Amino acid sequence: PNAVLTLVDDNLAPEYQKELWDAKKKKEENARLKNSCISEEERDAYEELLTQAEIQGNINKVNRQAAVDHINAVIPEGDPENTLLALKKPEAQLPAVYPFAAAMYQNELFNLQKQNAMNYLAHEELLIAVEMLSAVALLNQALESNDLVSVQNQLRSPTIGLNNLDKAYVERYANTLLSVKL
């Protein structure tokens, strides 16, 4: 409590300890290299100690990895609601996900995970996939509500991943998508 740390999970204590130990050793080594010509008395002890922000950053790193591991464990179970809950955990540090698209997240992430040699999606892979899937979900929602302006906005969004989209034809693309969706 005195360190004012947030999102500390007692179950992850061994992982925190290892990460903090490694971070402290690295900081000590950097300080030693930087101060190799300074006497012991002149050294600043704080250059070798982790700050509160560094401790919290390392806790967040462990939490994120645990969240990513959990997501990877939940995906093969095939339950869209559990996958959605895992994706929503703040510790995962992923973009917003939408409950109405739970089945899409489940199916697409399952397929993506199967394509990976280790059946494991790293944080960066999850970040890109969730961002794009969320953009697709919003585009589909706009199409279903027959909202031309929202469809155009979603098509213009860089997160949707449409390459070589000629901005001059966005209205035409949107109208065509709306006519096909109906």
Protein backbone atom coordinates (compact mmCIF):
# COMPACT_ATOMS: atom_id res chain seq x y z
CA PRO A 1 0.00 0.00 0.00
CA ASN A 2 2.81 2.46 0.77
CA ALA A 3 4.25 2.15 -2.72
CA VAL A 4 0.89 3.23 -4.20
CA LEU A 5 0.96 0.45 -6.78
CA THR A 6 -2.15 -0.45 -8.75
CA LEU A 7 -3.40 -3.64 -10.38
CA VAL A 8 -1.22 -5.89 -8.23
CA ASP A 9 -2.31 -9.53 -8.41
CA ASP A 10 -1.01 -11.68 -5.53
CA ASN A 11 -1.09 -14.73 -7.80
CA LEU A 12 1.56 -13.11 -10.00
CA ALA A 13 3.99 -12.40 -7.12
CA PRO A 14 6.73 -14.76 -8.42
CA GLU A 15 6.56 -13.17 -11.89
CA TYR A 16 6.66 -9.66 -10.37
CA GLN A 17 9.67 -10.61 -8.28
CA LYS A 18 11.58 -11.97 -11.29
CA GLU A 19 10.73 -8.96 -13.49
CA LEU A 20 11.62 -6.46 -10.76
CA TRP A 21 14.85 -8.30 -9.94
CA ASP A 22 15.87 -8.23 -13.62
CA ALA A 23 14.95 -4.54 -13.93
CA LYS A 24 16.94 -3.64 -10.80
CA LYS A 25 20.00 -5.57 -11.99
CA LYS A 26 19.81 -3.84 -15.37
CA LYS A 27 19.50 -0.42 -13.72
CA GLU A 28 22.43 -1.16 -11.40
CA GLU A 29 24.55 -2.25 -14.38
CA ASN A 30 23.67 0.91 -16.33
CA ALA A 31 24.54 3.07 -13.31
CA ARG A 32 27.83 1.22 -12.84
CA LEU A 33 28.77 1.79 -16.51
CA LYS A 34 27.76 5.44 -16.34
CA ASN A 35 29.53 6.11 -13.07
CA SER A 36 32.60 3.92 -13.43
CA CYS A 37 34.94 6.82 -12.71
CA ILE A 38 32.97 8.22 -9.75
CA SER A 39 33.88 7.25 -6.19
CA GLU A 40 31.50 5.20 -4.02
CA GLU A 41 30.71 8.25 -1.86
CA GLU A 42 29.78 10.43 -4.84
CA ARG A 43 27.38 7.95 -6.40
CA ASP A 44 23.65 8.63 -6.30
CA ALA A 45 21.92 5.61 -4.79
CA TYR A 46 18.71 6.46 -6.66
CA GLU A 47 20.45 5.71 -9.95
CA GLU A 48 20.50 2.06 -8.85
CA LEU A 49 17.08 1.85 -7.20
CA LEU A 50 13.81 1.44 -9.07
CA THR A 51 11.41 4.36 -8.86
CA GLN A 52 7.72 3.91 -8.13
CA ALA A 53 6.95 4.51 -11.81
CA GLU A 54 9.50 1.88 -12.89
CA ILE A 55 8.05 -0.63 -10.42
CA GLN A 56 4.51 0.06 -11.66
CA GLY A 57 5.69 -0.22 -15.26
CA ASN A 58 7.17 -3.64 -14.58
CA ILE A 59 4.00 -4.75 -12.79
CA ASN A 60 1.97 -3.60 -15.80
CA LYS A 61 4.31 -5.55 -18.10
CA VAL A 62 3.78 -8.77 -16.11
CA ASN A 63 0.02 -8.14 -15.95
CA ARG A 64 -0.16 -7.62 -19.70
CA GLN A 65 1.73 -10.83 -20.37
CA ALA A 66 -0.58 -12.73 -18.00
CA ALA A 67 -3.61 -11.24 -19.79
CA VAL A 68 -2.21 -12.24 -23.20
CA ASP A 69 -1.54 -15.76 -21.91
CA HIS A 70 -5.14 -15.90 -20.64
CA ILE A 71 -6.54 -14.73 -23.99
CA ASN A 72 -4.51 -17.39 -25.78
CA ALA A 73 -5.82 -20.04 -23.39
CA VAL A 74 -9.46 -18.95 -23.78
CA ILE A 75 -9.59 -18.69 -27.60
CA PRO A 76 -9.36 -22.46 -28.30
CA GLU A 77 -12.21 -23.13 -25.86
CA GLY A 78 -14.54 -21.65 -28.47
CA ASP A 79 -16.73 -19.55 -26.18
CA PRO A 80 -17.21 -16.06 -27.70
CA GLU A 81 -18.34 -14.54 -24.39
CA ASN A 82 -15.25 -15.76 -22.52
CA THR A 83 -13.00 -14.56 -25.33
CA LEU A 84 -14.71 -11.16 -25.25
CA LEU A 85 -14.25 -10.91 -21.46
CA ALA A 86 -10.55 -11.77 -21.79
CA LEU A 87 -10.09 -9.17 -24.56
CA LYS A 88 -11.82 -6.53 -22.40
CA LYS A 89 -9.44 -6.88 -19.44
CA PRO A 90 -7.68 -3.54 -18.98
CA GLU A 91 -4.41 -5.37 -18.26
CA ALA A 92 -4.42 -6.70 -21.84
CA GLN A 93 -4.01 -3.11 -23.10
CA LEU A 94 -6.02 -3.76 -26.26
CA PRO A 95 -8.35 -1.48 -28.24
CA ALA A 96 -12.07 -1.43 -27.51
CA VAL A 97 -14.06 -4.55 -28.32
CA TYR A 98 -17.79 -4.70 -28.99
CA PRO A 99 -20.12 -7.31 -27.47
CA PHE A 100 -22.26 -7.48 -30.63
CA ALA A 101 -19.19 -8.81 -32.47
CA ALA A 102 -18.17 -11.49 -29.93
CA ALA A 103 -18.65 -14.34 -32.41
CA MET A 104 -16.49 -12.56 -35.02
CA TYR A 105 -13.65 -11.99 -32.53
CA GLN A 106 -13.86 -15.65 -31.50
CA ASN A 107 -13.84 -17.04 -35.05
CA GLU A 108 -11.18 -14.75 -36.46
CA LEU A 109 -8.80 -14.97 -33.51
CA PHE A 110 -9.22 -18.77 -33.44
CA ASN A 111 -8.29 -18.95 -37.13
CA LEU A 112 -5.37 -16.56 -36.65
CA GLN A 113 -4.14 -18.54 -33.67
CA LYS A 114 -4.32 -21.80 -35.67
CA GLN A 115 -2.17 -20.24 -38.40
CA ASN A 116 0.57 -19.49 -35.88
CA ALA A 117 3.19 -22.26 -35.52
CA MET A 118 2.99 -22.04 -31.73
CA ASN A 119 -0.81 -21.54 -31.57
CA TYR A 120 -0.05 -18.37 -29.66
CA LEU A 121 -0.74 -14.73 -30.48
CA ALA A 122 1.71 -12.21 -29.03
CA HIS A 123 0.45 -8.86 -27.72
CA GLU A 124 1.39 -7.03 -30.93
CA GLU A 125 -0.51 -9.58 -33.05
CA LEU A 126 -3.56 -9.32 -30.80
CA LEU A 127 -3.38 -5.52 -30.86
CA ILE A 128 -3.40 -5.36 -34.66
CA ALA A 129 -6.05 -8.07 -35.04
CA VAL A 130 -8.42 -6.62 -32.43
CA GLU A 131 -8.05 -3.12 -33.85
CA MET A 132 -8.91 -4.30 -37.35
CA LEU A 133 -11.73 -6.62 -36.21
CA SER A 134 -13.27 -3.81 -34.18
CA ALA A 135 -13.16 -1.55 -37.24
CA VAL A 136 -14.84 -4.28 -39.33
CA ALA A 137 -17.47 -4.74 -36.60
CA LEU A 138 -18.26 -1.02 -36.64
CA LEU A 139 -18.46 -1.02 -40.45
CA ASN A 140 -20.89 -3.93 -40.37
CA GLN A 141 -22.95 -2.19 -37.70
CA ALA A 142 -23.10 0.95 -39.86
CA LEU A 143 -24.16 -1.16 -42.85
CA GLU A 144 -26.87 -2.90 -40.86
CA SER A 145 -28.26 0.42 -39.65
CA ASN A 146 -28.14 1.75 -43.24
CA ASP A 147 -26.09 4.76 -42.07
CA LEU A 148 -24.27 6.14 -45.12
CA VAL A 149 -22.18 8.68 -43.18
CA SER A 150 -20.99 6.06 -40.66
CA VAL A 151 -20.16 3.64 -43.47
CA GLN A 152 -18.07 6.33 -45.17
CA ASN A 153 -16.31 7.18 -41.90
CA GLN A 154 -15.51 3.52 -41.25
CA LEU A 155 -14.16 3.08 -44.77
CA ARG A 156 -11.87 6.09 -44.23
CA SER A 157 -10.59 4.73 -40.92
CA PRO A 158 -6.97 3.56 -41.18
CA THR A 159 -7.66 0.81 -38.63
CA ILE A 160 -9.91 -1.09 -41.04
CA GLY A 161 -6.85 -1.98 -43.10
CA LEU A 162 -8.20 -1.27 -46.58
CA ASN A 163 -5.20 -0.59 -48.79
CA ASN A 164 -5.30 1.53 -51.94
CA LEU A 165 -8.73 2.91 -51.10
CA ASP A 166 -9.30 5.88 -53.41
CA LYS A 167 -10.76 8.56 -51.15
CA ALA A 168 -12.54 10.12 -54.14
CA TYR A 169 -14.74 7.03 -54.41
CA VAL A 170 -15.64 6.51 -50.74
CA GLU A 171 -19.27 7.53 -51.32
CA ARG A 172 -19.53 5.10 -54.22
CA TYR A 173 -17.95 2.30 -52.15
CA ALA A 174 -20.34 3.01 -49.30
CA ASN A 175 -23.39 3.01 -51.56
CA THR A 176 -22.31 -0.25 -53.18
CA LEU A 177 -21.73 -1.91 -49.80
CA LEU A 178 -25.11 -0.71 -48.57
CA SER A 179 -26.86 -2.06 -51.67
CA VAL A 180 -25.10 -5.44 -51.31
CA LYS A 181 -25.82 -5.65 -47.58
CA LEU A 182 -29.55 -5.15 -48.16
